[in-house]
Amino acid sequence: MKQFLSVHDINDINVLVKKALEYKHDPFKDKTLGIDKRIGLLFLNPSLRTRLSTQVAARNLGMESIVFNVDKEGWALEFEEGAIMSGNTVEHVKDAAPVLGSYFDIVCIRTFPSLKNREDDYSELYISQFVKYCGVPVISLESATLHPLQSLTDIITIQEYLNSNPPPRIVKPKIVLTWAPHVKALPQCVANSFAQWINAWGEAEFIITHPEDYELAEEFTKGAIITHNQDEALKDADFVYVKNWSTYYDYGKIYENNPQWMLTEEKLNLTNNAKVMHCLPVRRNIELSDEVLDSANSIVTQQAANRVWAAQAVIAEILNSQL
């Protein structure tokens, strides 16, 4: 593996999932793989699980991790080629990135969309410029359109549950990604990425349900069944992934916050006793009710804990490719 920006950077999802679960069983089995190597974690926006899980994962492999909050501790970066830097930006990425590449063996970057201009956000300019100029492997800790470490984690968590589920084994689970209300406009990254990975995985019946006008980009959803009828989508589901996202076509808007789209115990009764997932942080009693989040159906804590093993598997794959 040369980089990790999307599902297209890996050869076999199941092989990577198996590797991650092996690390969960034995976290330090490759504890010398990253000895004398450094990983840089650059954040252009805040993080909790992504930052800490990646640091733990790197440490399990013997790496030193260094965190830098670019938005708070560094110069304002310019990303546009040919820019006349007479404004607020102080340093161009083509000058900063190669230096960072000289400091680190792997560079990890977390960016965030503006939700103002779809063309700009979906160009993935920020992360692509780091890839272009830093000269070392890049791992996405979330970009304007995708969150691949989260999506890998999601499949790890689903597979872990399927492996531990008593007979009769669920052969092809029904997985539902459902839109949920929120108090502010959120990006499509997690939903895009989850759709991309589940479709590429190809081992589930996959349904996306959302209100009208909340369509996602077809490049990520192609292969999924899409419906505006949440109850119909939830029927007999084995896993329900709850996530809010703002509008894609009239970009970055909130048209409605219908509380009827919140997943409740009553809605969960339509499912096949489904396990409930969410990437966190979650707005309780807005996106998900307390009764669901605190129930035995919720696997959000297990899901978040698995972020370590997803990151460790990816970092190990990149380190092994450098041997």
C-alpha atoms as a PDB file:
ATOM      1  CA  MET A   1       0.000   0.000   0.000  1.00  0.00           C
ATOM      2  CA  LYS A   2       1.510   3.316  -1.097  1.00  0.00           C
ATOM      3  CA  GLN A   3      -1.129   5.645   0.384  1.00  0.00           C
ATOM      4  CA  PHE A   4      -4.567   5.472   1.999  1.00  0.00           C
ATOM      5  CA  LEU A   5      -7.080   7.983   0.702  1.00  0.00           C
ATOM      6  CA  SER A   6     -10.019   5.767  -0.276  1.00  0.00           C
ATOM      7  CA  VAL A   7     -11.086   2.169  -0.823  1.00  0.00           C
ATOM      8  CA  HIS A   8      -9.307   2.290  -4.184  1.00  0.00           C
ATOM      9  CA  ASP A   9      -5.925   2.233  -2.440  1.00  0.00           C
ATOM     10  CA  ILE A  10      -6.305  -1.329  -1.124  1.00  0.00           C
ATOM     11  CA  ASN A  11      -6.318  -4.641  -2.938  1.00  0.00           C
ATOM     12  CA  ASP A  12      -8.630  -6.701  -0.720  1.00  0.00           C
ATOM     13  CA  ILE A  13     -10.959  -5.357   1.987  1.00  0.00           C
ATOM     14  CA  ASN A  14     -11.312  -8.733   3.709  1.00  0.00           C
ATOM     15  CA  VAL A  15      -7.544  -9.194   3.975  1.00  0.00           C
ATOM     16  CA  LEU A  16      -7.192  -5.780   5.622  1.00  0.00           C
ATOM     17  CA  VAL A  17     -10.128  -6.477   7.966  1.00  0.00           C
ATOM     18  CA  LYS A  18      -8.556  -9.801   8.978  1.00  0.00           C
ATOM     19  CA  LYS A  19      -5.255  -8.046   9.684  1.00  0.00           C
ATOM     20  CA  ALA A  20      -7.006  -5.460  11.852  1.00  0.00           C
ATOM     21  CA  LEU A  21      -8.800  -8.136  13.888  1.00  0.00           C
ATOM     22  CA  GLU A  22      -5.494  -9.967  14.357  1.00  0.00           C
ATOM     23  CA  TYR A  23      -4.060  -6.776  15.822  1.00  0.00           C
ATOM     24  CA  LYS A  24      -7.048  -6.519  18.143  1.00  0.00           C
ATOM     25  CA  HIS A  25      -6.234 -10.023  19.395  1.00  0.00           C
ATOM     26  CA  ASP A  26      -2.496  -9.273  19.684  1.00  0.00           C
ATOM     27  CA  PRO A  27      -1.789  -5.508  19.551  1.00  0.00           C
ATOM     28  CA  PHE A  28       1.998  -5.768  19.909  1.00  0.00           C
ATOM     29  CA  LYS A  29       2.772  -8.640  17.547  1.00  0.00           C
ATOM     30  CA  ASP A  30       4.534  -6.192  15.191  1.00  0.00           C
ATOM     31  CA  LYS A  31       5.831  -3.861  17.881  1.00  0.00           C
ATOM     32  CA  THR A  32       9.213  -3.398  16.162  1.00  0.00           C
ATOM     33  CA  LEU A  33       7.863  -2.792  12.651  1.00  0.00           C
ATOM     34  CA  GLY A  34       7.935   0.986  13.096  1.00  0.00           C
ATOM     35  CA  ILE A  35      11.032   1.309  15.269  1.00  0.00           C
ATOM     36  CA  ASP A  36      13.023   4.477  14.437  1.00  0.00           C
ATOM     37  CA  LYS A  37      10.216   5.734  12.212  1.00  0.00           C
ATOM     38  CA  ARG A  38       8.000   8.782  12.709  1.00  0.00           C
ATOM     39  CA  ILE A  39       4.420   9.473  11.721  1.00  0.00           C
ATOM     40  CA  GLY A  40       3.117  13.045  11.505  1.00  0.00           C
ATOM     41  CA  LEU A  41      -0.541  13.763  12.218  1.00  0.00           C
ATOM     42  CA  LEU A  42      -1.615  17.100  10.754  1.00  0.00           C
ATOM     43  CA  PHE A  43      -5.029  18.471  11.682  1.00  0.00           C
ATOM     44  CA  LEU A  44      -6.729  21.296   9.836  1.00  0.00           C
ATOM     45  CA  ASN A  45      -9.807  20.707  12.012  1.00  0.00           C
ATOM     46  CA  PRO A  46     -10.437  19.115  15.424  1.00  0.00           C
ATOM     47  CA  SER A  47     -10.446  15.419  16.217  1.00  0.00           C
ATOM     48  CA  LEU A  48     -10.882  13.085  19.163  1.00  0.00           C
ATOM     49  CA  ARG A  49     -11.144   9.421  18.086  1.00  0.00           C
ATOM     50  CA  THR A  50      -9.183   9.842  14.858  1.00  0.00           C
ATOM     51  CA  ARG A  51      -6.242  11.523  16.544  1.00  0.00           C
ATOM     52  CA  LEU A  52      -5.989   9.300  19.610  1.00  0.00           C
ATOM     53  CA  SER A  53      -6.657   6.001  17.848  1.00  0.00           C
ATOM     54  CA  THR A  54      -4.011   6.715  15.221  1.00  0.00           C
ATOM     55  CA  GLN A  55      -1.474   7.647  17.894  1.00  0.00           C
ATOM     56  CA  VAL A  56      -2.203   4.431  19.811  1.00  0.00           C
ATOM     57  CA  ALA A  57      -1.979   2.394  16.607  1.00  0.00           C
ATOM     58  CA  ALA A  58       1.381   3.919  15.676  1.00  0.00           C
ATOM     59  CA  ARG A  59       2.726   3.306  19.172  1.00  0.00           C
ATOM     60  CA  ASN A  60       1.653  -0.346  19.022  1.00  0.00           C
ATOM     61  CA  LEU A  61       3.898  -0.660  15.964  1.00  0.00           C
ATOM     62  CA  GLY A  62       6.831   1.060  17.670  1.00  0.00           C
ATOM     63  CA  MET A  63       6.491   4.399  15.832  1.00  0.00           C
ATOM     64  CA  GLU A  64       6.870   7.866  17.266  1.00  0.00           C
ATOM     65  CA  SER A  65       3.859  10.037  16.475  1.00  0.00           C
ATOM     66  CA  ILE A  66       3.892  13.827  16.401  1.00  0.00           C
ATOM     67  CA  VAL A  67       0.673  15.830  16.264  1.00  0.00           C
ATOM     68  CA  PHE A  68       0.462  19.301  14.745  1.00  0.00           C
ATOM     69  CA  ASN A  69      -2.737  21.348  14.693  1.00  0.00           C
ATOM     70  CA  VAL A  70      -2.182  23.324  11.518  1.00  0.00           C
ATOM     71  CA  ASP A  71      -5.277  25.468  12.044  1.00  0.00           C
ATOM     72  CA  LYS A  72      -4.110  26.676  15.482  1.00  0.00           C
ATOM     73  CA  GLU A  73      -0.345  26.281  15.691  1.00  0.00           C
ATOM     74  CA  GLY A  74       0.930  26.881  12.166  1.00  0.00           C
ATOM     75  CA  TRP A  75       0.969  29.420   9.377  1.00  0.00           C
ATOM     76  CA  ALA A  76      -2.100  29.783   7.189  1.00  0.00           C
ATOM     77  CA  LEU A  77      -1.361  27.604   4.161  1.00  0.00           C
ATOM     78  CA  GLU A  78      -1.997  28.407   0.514  1.00  0.00           C
ATOM     79  CA  PHE A  79      -3.048  25.473  -1.687  1.00  0.00           C
ATOM     80  CA  GLU A  80      -3.829  27.058  -5.061  1.00  0.00           C
ATOM     81  CA  GLU A  81      -1.218  26.698  -7.787  1.00  0.00           C
ATOM     82  CA  GLY A  82       0.085  30.008  -9.089  1.00  0.00           C
ATOM     83  CA  ALA A  83      -1.450  31.962  -6.218  1.00  0.00           C
ATOM     84  CA  ILE A  84      -0.347  35.561  -5.655  1.00  0.00           C
ATOM     85  CA  MET A  85       0.039  35.382  -1.891  1.00  0.00           C
ATOM     86  CA  SER A  86      -0.972  38.927  -0.990  1.00  0.00           C
ATOM     87  CA  GLY A  87      -3.735  37.869   1.403  1.00  0.00           C
ATOM     88  CA  ASN A  88      -3.903  35.964   4.700  1.00  0.00           C
ATOM     89  CA  THR A  89      -1.965  32.870   3.630  1.00  0.00           C
ATOM     90  CA  VAL A  90       1.680  32.910   4.685  1.00  0.00           C
ATOM     91  CA  GLU A  91       3.167  29.675   3.362  1.00  0.00           C
ATOM     92  CA  HIS A  92       2.448  27.604   0.259  1.00  0.00           C
ATOM     93  CA  VAL A  93       1.845  23.885   0.617  1.00  0.00           C
ATOM     94  CA  LYS A  94       4.495  23.215  -2.051  1.00  0.00           C
ATOM     95  CA  ASP A  95       7.054  24.714   0.353  1.00  0.00           C
ATOM     96  CA  ALA A  96       5.658  23.247   3.590  1.00  0.00           C
ATOM     97  CA  ALA A  97       4.824  19.703   2.437  1.00  0.00           C
ATOM     98  CA  PRO A  98       8.317  18.646   1.271  1.00  0.00           C
ATOM     99  CA  VAL A  99       9.744  19.763   4.598  1.00  0.00           C
ATOM    100  CA  LEU A 100       7.171  17.690   6.442  1.00  0.00           C
ATOM    101  CA  GLY A 101       8.040  14.788   4.187  1.00  0.00           C
ATOM    102  CA  SER A 102      11.664  15.107   5.307  1.00  0.00           C
ATOM    103  CA  TYR A 103      10.603  14.920   8.962  1.00  0.00           C
ATOM    104  CA  PHE A 104       8.227  11.949   8.724  1.00  0.00           C
ATOM    105  CA  ASP A 105       8.047   8.498   7.166  1.00  0.00           C
ATOM    106  CA  ILE A 106       4.253   8.770   6.888  1.00  0.00           C
ATOM    107  CA  VAL A 107       2.139  11.932   6.862  1.00  0.00           C
ATOM    108  CA  CYS A 108      -1.489  11.789   8.001  1.00  0.00           C
ATOM    109  CA  ILE A 109      -3.825  14.670   7.199  1.00  0.00           C
ATOM    110  CA  ARG A 110      -7.301  15.612   8.364  1.00  0.00           C
ATOM    111  CA  THR A 111      -9.071  18.279   6.352  1.00  0.00           C
ATOM    112  CA  PHE A 112     -12.674  19.450   6.265  1.00  0.00           C
ATOM    113  CA  PRO A 113     -15.025  20.818   3.604  1.00  0.00           C
ATOM    114  CA  SER A 114     -16.158  24.432   3.579  1.00  0.00           C
ATOM    115  CA  LEU A 115     -19.711  23.367   2.576  1.00  0.00           C
ATOM    116  CA  LYS A 116     -19.818  26.568   0.514  1.00  0.00           C
ATOM    117  CA  ASN A 117     -18.571  25.478  -2.899  1.00  0.00           C
ATOM    118  CA  ARG A 118     -19.116  21.869  -3.953  1.00  0.00           C
ATOM    119  CA  GLU A 119     -16.663  22.016  -6.835  1.00  0.00           C
ATOM    120  CA  ASP A 120     -13.883  23.217  -4.544  1.00  0.00           C
ATOM    121  CA  ASP A 121     -14.617  20.669  -1.818  1.00  0.00           C
ATOM    122  CA  TYR A 122     -14.989  17.722  -4.171  1.00  0.00           C
ATOM    123  CA  SER A 123     -11.737  18.580  -5.939  1.00  0.00           C
ATOM    124  CA  GLU A 124      -9.977  17.426  -2.723  1.00  0.00           C
ATOM    125  CA  LEU A 125      -7.385  20.140  -3.309  1.00  0.00           C
ATOM    126  CA  TYR A 126      -5.978  20.198   0.227  1.00  0.00           C
ATOM    127  CA  ILE A 127      -5.147  16.531   0.606  1.00  0.00           C
ATOM    128  CA  SER A 128      -4.142  16.089  -3.042  1.00  0.00           C
ATOM    129  CA  GLN A 129      -1.592  18.895  -2.742  1.00  0.00           C
ATOM    130  CA  PHE A 130       0.000  17.198   0.250  1.00  0.00           C
ATOM    131  CA  VAL A 131       0.125  13.934  -1.706  1.00  0.00           C
ATOM    132  CA  LYS A 132       1.708  15.773  -4.632  1.00  0.00           C
ATOM    133  CA  TYR A 133       4.425  17.572  -2.694  1.00  0.00           C
ATOM    134  CA  CYS A 134       5.317  15.777   0.555  1.00  0.00           C
ATOM    135  CA  GLY A 135       7.128  12.828  -1.060  1.00  0.00           C
ATOM    136  CA  VAL A 136       6.091  10.193   1.513  1.00  0.00           C
ATOM    137  CA  PRO A 137       2.957   8.047   1.920  1.00  0.00           C
ATOM    138  CA  VAL A 138      -0.158   9.968   2.968  1.00  0.00           C
ATOM    139  CA  ILE A 139      -3.011   8.621   5.091  1.00  0.00           C
ATOM    140  CA  SER A 140      -6.331  10.443   5.075  1.00  0.00           C
ATOM    141  CA  LEU A 141      -7.661  11.088   8.565  1.00  0.00           C
ATOM    142  CA  GLU A 142     -10.755  12.515   6.813  1.00  0.00           C
ATOM    143  CA  SER A 143     -10.974  14.679   3.751  1.00  0.00           C
ATOM    144  CA  ALA A 144     -13.604  16.936   2.225  1.00  0.00           C
ATOM    145  CA  THR A 145     -15.475  13.985   0.707  1.00  0.00           C
ATOM    146  CA  LEU A 146     -14.327  10.756   2.402  1.00  0.00           C
ATOM    147  CA  HIS A 147     -13.356   9.220   5.742  1.00  0.00           C
ATOM    148  CA  PRO A 148     -11.673   5.925   4.818  1.00  0.00           C
ATOM    149  CA  LEU A 149     -10.336   4.971   8.252  1.00  0.00           C
ATOM    150  CA  GLN A 150     -13.845   5.297   9.649  1.00  0.00           C
ATOM    151  CA  SER A 151     -15.279   3.161   6.852  1.00  0.00           C
ATOM    152  CA  LEU A 152     -12.654   0.462   7.293  1.00  0.00           C
ATOM    153  CA  THR A 153     -13.496   0.491  10.992  1.00  0.00           C
ATOM    154  CA  ASP A 154     -17.176   0.109  10.174  1.00  0.00           C
ATOM    155  CA  ILE A 155     -16.591  -3.032   8.118  1.00  0.00           C
ATOM    156  CA  ILE A 156     -14.241  -4.397  10.789  1.00  0.00           C
ATOM    157  CA  THR A 157     -17.008  -3.928  13.355  1.00  0.00           C
ATOM    158  CA  ILE A 158     -19.651  -5.546  11.148  1.00  0.00           C
ATOM    159  CA  GLN A 159     -17.380  -8.499  10.348  1.00  0.00           C
ATOM    160  CA  GLU A 160     -16.400  -8.897  14.005  1.00  0.00           C
ATOM    161  CA  TYR A 161     -20.043  -9.148  14.980  1.00  0.00           C
ATOM    162  CA  LEU A 162     -20.799 -11.603  12.159  1.00  0.00           C
ATOM    163  CA  ASN A 163     -17.849 -13.764  13.238  1.00  0.00           C
ATOM    164  CA  SER A 164     -19.043 -13.876  16.841  1.00  0.00           C
ATOM    165  CA  ASN A 165     -22.733 -14.249  16.084  1.00  0.00           C
ATOM    166  CA  PRO A 166     -24.053 -17.693  17.071  1.00  0.00           C
ATOM    167  CA  PRO A 167     -25.584 -19.951  14.385  1.00  0.00           C
ATOM    168  CA  PRO A 168     -27.459 -19.607  12.168  1.00  0.00           C
ATOM    169  CA  ARG A 169     -24.810 -17.311  10.701  1.00  0.00           C
ATOM    170  CA  ILE A 170     -25.940 -14.230   8.773  1.00  0.00           C
ATOM    171  CA  VAL A 171     -24.517 -14.894   5.320  1.00  0.00           C
ATOM    172  CA  LYS A 172     -25.381 -11.624   3.571  1.00  0.00           C
ATOM    173  CA  PRO A 173     -26.437  -9.007   6.118  1.00  0.00           C
ATOM    174  CA  LYS A 174     -28.886  -6.260   5.327  1.00  0.00           C
ATOM    175  CA  ILE A 175     -27.149  -2.958   6.084  1.00  0.00           C
ATOM    176  CA  VAL A 176     -29.064   0.316   6.155  1.00  0.00           C
ATOM    177  CA  LEU A 177     -27.487   3.768   6.096  1.00  0.00           C
ATOM    178  CA  THR A 178     -30.124   6.169   7.363  1.00  0.00           C
ATOM    179  CA  TRP A 179     -30.062   9.953   7.390  1.00  0.00           C
ATOM    180  CA  ALA A 180     -30.781  11.571  10.755  1.00  0.00           C
ATOM    181  CA  PRO A 181     -31.657  15.103  11.854  1.00  0.00           C
ATOM    182  CA  HIS A 182     -28.979  17.487  13.126  1.00  0.00           C
ATOM    183  CA  VAL A 183     -28.778  21.046  14.405  1.00  0.00           C
ATOM    184  CA  LYS A 184     -26.287  22.186  11.766  1.00  0.00           C
ATOM    185  CA  ALA A 185     -25.150  21.350   8.256  1.00  0.00           C
ATOM    186  CA  LEU A 186     -22.649  18.478   8.192  1.00  0.00           C
ATOM    187  CA  PRO A 187     -20.524  17.215   5.294  1.00  0.00           C
ATOM    188  CA  GLN A 188     -21.215  14.086   3.279  1.00  0.00           C
ATOM    189  CA  CYS A 189     -17.787  12.534   4.036  1.00  0.00           C
ATOM    190  CA  VAL A 190     -18.808   9.686   6.345  1.00  0.00           C
ATOM    191  CA  ALA A 191     -21.904   8.780   4.339  1.00  0.00           C
ATOM    192  CA  ASN A 192     -20.007   8.932   1.030  1.00  0.00           C
ATOM    193  CA  SER A 193     -17.220   6.806   2.402  1.00  0.00           C
ATOM    194  CA  PHE A 194     -19.456   4.216   4.052  1.00  0.00           C
ATOM    195  CA  ALA A 195     -21.397   3.821   0.808  1.00  0.00           C
ATOM    196  CA  GLN A 196     -18.191   3.520  -1.214  1.00  0.00           C
ATOM    197  CA  TRP A 197     -16.732   0.842   1.061  1.00  0.00           C
ATOM    198  CA  ILE A 198     -19.900  -1.231   1.512  1.00  0.00           C
ATOM    199  CA  ASN A 199     -20.486  -1.237  -2.243  1.00  0.00           C
ATOM    200  CA  ALA A 200     -16.866  -2.248  -2.885  1.00  0.00           C
ATOM    201  CA  TRP A 201     -17.055  -4.926  -0.176  1.00  0.00           C
ATOM    202  CA  GLY A 202     -20.014  -6.473  -1.985  1.00  0.00           C
ATOM    203  CA  GLU A 203     -20.994  -8.829   0.830  1.00  0.00           C
ATOM    204  CA  ALA A 204     -24.194  -7.149   2.017  1.00  0.00           C
ATOM    205  CA  GLU A 205     -27.608  -6.049   0.884  1.00  0.00           C
ATOM    206  CA  PHE A 206     -27.130  -2.299   1.117  1.00  0.00           C
ATOM    207  CA  ILE A 207     -29.885   0.299   1.392  1.00  0.00           C
ATOM    208  CA  ILE A 208     -29.583   4.066   1.839  1.00  0.00           C
ATOM    209  CA  THR A 209     -32.596   5.956   3.140  1.00  0.00           C
ATOM    210  CA  HIS A 210     -32.974   9.723   3.425  1.00  0.00           C
ATOM    211  CA  PRO A 211     -35.529  12.492   2.887  1.00  0.00           C
ATOM    212  CA  GLU A 212     -36.023  13.844  -0.597  1.00  0.00           C
ATOM    213  CA  ASP A 213     -33.290  16.280  -1.716  1.00  0.00           C
ATOM    214  CA  TYR A 214     -30.626  14.603   0.419  1.00  0.00           C
ATOM    215  CA  GLU A 215     -29.151  12.476  -2.357  1.00  0.00           C
ATOM    216  CA  LEU A 216     -25.448  11.694  -2.196  1.00  0.00           C
ATOM    217  CA  ALA A 217     -23.067  11.712  -5.170  1.00  0.00           C
ATOM    218  CA  GLU A 218     -23.772   8.716  -7.397  1.00  0.00           C
ATOM    219  CA  GLU A 219     -20.050   7.963  -7.694  1.00  0.00           C
ATOM    220  CA  PHE A 220     -20.238   6.743  -4.085  1.00  0.00           C
ATOM    221  CA  THR A 221     -23.761   5.292  -3.888  1.00  0.00           C
ATOM    222  CA  LYS A 222     -23.906   3.380  -7.176  1.00  0.00           C
ATOM    223  CA  GLY A 223     -24.857  -0.201  -6.345  1.00  0.00           C
ATOM    224  CA  ALA A 224     -26.986   0.651  -3.310  1.00  0.00           C
ATOM    225  CA  ILE A 225     -30.783   0.632  -3.135  1.00  0.00           C
ATOM    226  CA  ILE A 226     -31.991   4.146  -2.317  1.00  0.00           C
ATOM    227  CA  THR A 227     -35.377   4.952  -0.797  1.00  0.00           C
ATOM    228  CA  HIS A 228     -37.106   7.872   0.930  1.00  0.00           C
ATOM    229  CA  ASN A 229     -39.190   5.459   3.041  1.00  0.00           C
ATOM    230  CA  GLN A 230     -37.224   4.896   6.239  1.00  0.00           C
ATOM    231  CA  ASP A 231     -39.626   2.334   7.710  1.00  0.00           C
ATOM    232  CA  GLU A 232     -39.466   0.267   4.538  1.00  0.00           C
ATOM    233  CA  ALA A 233     -35.682   0.422   4.529  1.00  0.00           C
ATOM    234  CA  LEU A 234     -35.417  -0.631   8.169  1.00  0.00           C
ATOM    235  CA  LYS A 235     -37.560  -3.738   7.759  1.00  0.00           C
ATOM    236  CA  ASP A 236     -35.493  -6.829   8.657  1.00  0.00           C
ATOM    237  CA  ALA A 237     -32.208  -4.877   8.739  1.00  0.00           C
ATOM    238  CA  ASP A 238     -29.253  -6.508  10.507  1.00  0.00           C
ATOM    239  CA  PHE A 239     -27.206  -3.294  10.881  1.00  0.00           C
ATOM    240  CA  VAL A 240     -28.381   0.318  10.921  1.00  0.00           C
ATOM    241  CA  TYR A 241     -25.824   3.066  10.438  1.00  0.00           C
ATOM    242  CA  VAL A 242     -27.157   6.446  11.536  1.00  0.00           C
ATOM    243  CA  LYS A 243     -25.629   9.625  10.117  1.00  0.00           C
ATOM    244  CA  ASN A 244     -26.634  13.144   9.198  1.00  0.00           C
ATOM    245  CA  TRP A 245     -25.433  14.895   6.067  1.00  0.00           C
ATOM    246  CA  SER A 246     -26.310  18.153   4.343  1.00  0.00           C
ATOM    247  CA  THR A 247     -27.587  18.512   0.788  1.00  0.00           C
ATOM    248  CA  TYR A 248     -25.311  17.673  -2.143  1.00  0.00           C
ATOM    249  CA  TYR A 249     -26.961  19.319  -5.160  1.00  0.00           C
ATOM    250  CA  ASP A 250     -27.981  22.598  -3.478  1.00  0.00           C
ATOM    251  CA  TYR A 251     -24.732  22.240  -1.641  1.00  0.00           C
ATOM    252  CA  GLY A 252     -24.309  22.279   2.119  1.00  0.00           C
ATOM    253  CA  LYS A 253     -27.883  23.143   3.084  1.00  0.00           C
ATOM    254  CA  ILE A 254     -30.361  21.900   5.671  1.00  0.00           C
ATOM    255  CA  TYR A 255     -33.872  21.710   4.229  1.00  0.00           C
ATOM    256  CA  GLU A 256     -35.516  19.989   7.154  1.00  0.00           C
ATOM    257  CA  ASN A 257     -34.910  18.570  10.599  1.00  0.00           C
ATOM    258  CA  ASN A 258     -37.899  16.281  10.840  1.00  0.00           C
ATOM    259  CA  PRO A 259     -37.583  14.521  14.231  1.00  0.00           C
ATOM    260  CA  GLN A 260     -39.431  11.543  12.763  1.00  0.00           C
ATOM    261  CA  TRP A 261     -36.162  10.558  11.078  1.00  0.00           C
ATOM    262  CA  MET A 262     -34.481  10.009  14.480  1.00  0.00           C
ATOM    263  CA  LEU A 263     -33.912   6.318  15.149  1.00  0.00           C
ATOM    264  CA  THR A 264     -36.028   5.232  18.114  1.00  0.00           C
ATOM    265  CA  GLU A 265     -36.791   1.947  19.823  1.00  0.00           C
ATOM    266  CA  GLU A 266     -40.109   1.813  17.977  1.00  0.00           C
ATOM    267  CA  LYS A 267     -38.332   2.069  14.610  1.00  0.00           C
ATOM    268  CA  LEU A 268     -35.743  -0.473  15.730  1.00  0.00           C
ATOM    269  CA  ASN A 269     -38.553  -2.972  16.258  1.00  0.00           C
ATOM    270  CA  LEU A 270     -38.956  -3.048  12.478  1.00  0.00           C
ATOM    271  CA  THR A 271     -35.479  -4.535  12.100  1.00  0.00           C
ATOM    272  CA  ASN A 272     -34.027  -7.976  12.650  1.00  0.00           C
ATOM    273  CA  ASN A 273     -32.885  -6.892  16.114  1.00  0.00           C
ATOM    274  CA  ALA A 274     -30.343  -4.758  14.276  1.00  0.00           C
ATOM    275  CA  LYS A 275     -27.061  -3.546  15.670  1.00  0.00           C
ATOM    276  CA  VAL A 276     -26.915   0.256  15.618  1.00  0.00           C
ATOM    277  CA  MET A 277     -23.824   2.137  14.451  1.00  0.00           C
ATOM    278  CA  HIS A 278     -22.722   5.772  14.462  1.00  0.00           C
ATOM    279  CA  CYS A 279     -19.281   7.305  13.858  1.00  0.00           C
ATOM    280  CA  LEU A 280     -19.517   9.681  16.879  1.00  0.00           C
ATOM    281  CA  PRO A 281     -19.829  12.335  18.121  1.00  0.00           C
ATOM    282  CA  VAL A 282     -23.596  11.900  18.260  1.00  0.00           C
ATOM    283  CA  ARG A 283     -26.291  14.392  19.227  1.00  0.00           C
ATOM    284  CA  ARG A 284     -28.375  12.421  21.691  1.00  0.00           C
ATOM    285  CA  ASN A 285     -32.122  12.636  21.223  1.00  0.00           C
ATOM    286  CA  ILE A 286     -31.592  14.450  17.924  1.00  0.00           C
ATOM    287  CA  GLU A 287     -29.879  11.822  15.757  1.00  0.00           C
ATOM    288  CA  LEU A 288     -30.385   8.857  18.066  1.00  0.00           C
ATOM    289  CA  SER A 289     -32.567   8.452  21.126  1.00  0.00           C
ATOM    290  CA  ASP A 290     -31.099   7.620  24.529  1.00  0.00           C
ATOM    291  CA  GLU A 291     -33.104   4.406  24.577  1.00  0.00           C
ATOM    292  CA  VAL A 292     -31.342   3.161  21.452  1.00  0.00           C
ATOM    293  CA  LEU A 293     -27.853   4.468  22.237  1.00  0.00           C
ATOM    294  CA  ASP A 294     -27.910   2.937  25.703  1.00  0.00           C
ATOM    295  CA  SER A 295     -29.450  -0.353  24.600  1.00  0.00           C
ATOM    296  CA  ALA A 296     -27.817  -3.704  23.879  1.00  0.00           C
ATOM    297  CA  ASN A 297     -28.387  -3.016  20.175  1.00  0.00           C
ATOM    298  CA  SER A 298     -25.901  -0.138  20.168  1.00  0.00           C
ATOM    299  CA  ILE A 299     -22.351  -1.045  19.143  1.00  0.00           C
ATOM    300  CA  VAL A 300     -21.086   2.522  18.803  1.00  0.00           C
ATOM    301  CA  THR A 301     -18.508   2.116  21.594  1.00  0.00           C
ATOM    302  CA  GLN A 302     -17.157  -1.097  20.091  1.00  0.00           C
ATOM    303  CA  GLN A 303     -17.112   0.643  16.718  1.00  0.00           C
ATOM    304  CA  ALA A 304     -15.119   3.586  18.094  1.00  0.00           C
ATOM    305  CA  ALA A 305     -12.675   1.287  19.891  1.00  0.00           C
ATOM    306  CA  ASN A 306     -12.004  -0.516  16.615  1.00  0.00           C
ATOM    307  CA  ARG A 307     -10.606   2.703  15.159  1.00  0.00           C
ATOM    308  CA  VAL A 308      -7.241   1.688  16.648  1.00  0.00           C
ATOM    309  CA  TRP A 309      -7.107  -1.600  14.751  1.00  0.00           C
ATOM    310  CA  ALA A 310      -8.156  -0.031  11.456  1.00  0.00           C
ATOM    311  CA  ALA A 311      -5.377   2.539  11.742  1.00  0.00           C
ATOM    312  CA  GLN A 312      -2.848  -0.069  12.849  1.00  0.00           C
ATOM    313  CA  ALA A 313      -3.625  -2.322   9.876  1.00  0.00           C
ATOM    314  CA  VAL A 314      -3.243   0.570   7.423  1.00  0.00           C
ATOM    315  CA  ILE A 315      -0.017   1.887   8.946  1.00  0.00           C
ATOM    316  CA  ALA A 316       1.454  -1.627   9.011  1.00  0.00           C
ATOM    317  CA  GLU A 317       0.586  -2.168   5.347  1.00  0.00           C
ATOM    318  CA  ILE A 318       2.375   1.045   4.395  1.00  0.00           C
ATOM    319  CA  LEU A 319       5.408   0.234   6.556  1.00  0.00           C
ATOM    320  CA  ASN A 320       5.629  -3.250   5.038  1.00  0.00           C
ATOM    321  CA  SER A 321       5.540  -1.757   1.552  1.00  0.00           C
ATOM    322  CA  GLN A 322       8.622   0.284   2.458  1.00  0.00           C
ATOM    323  CA  LEU A 323      10.715  -2.752   3.499  1.00  0.00           C
END
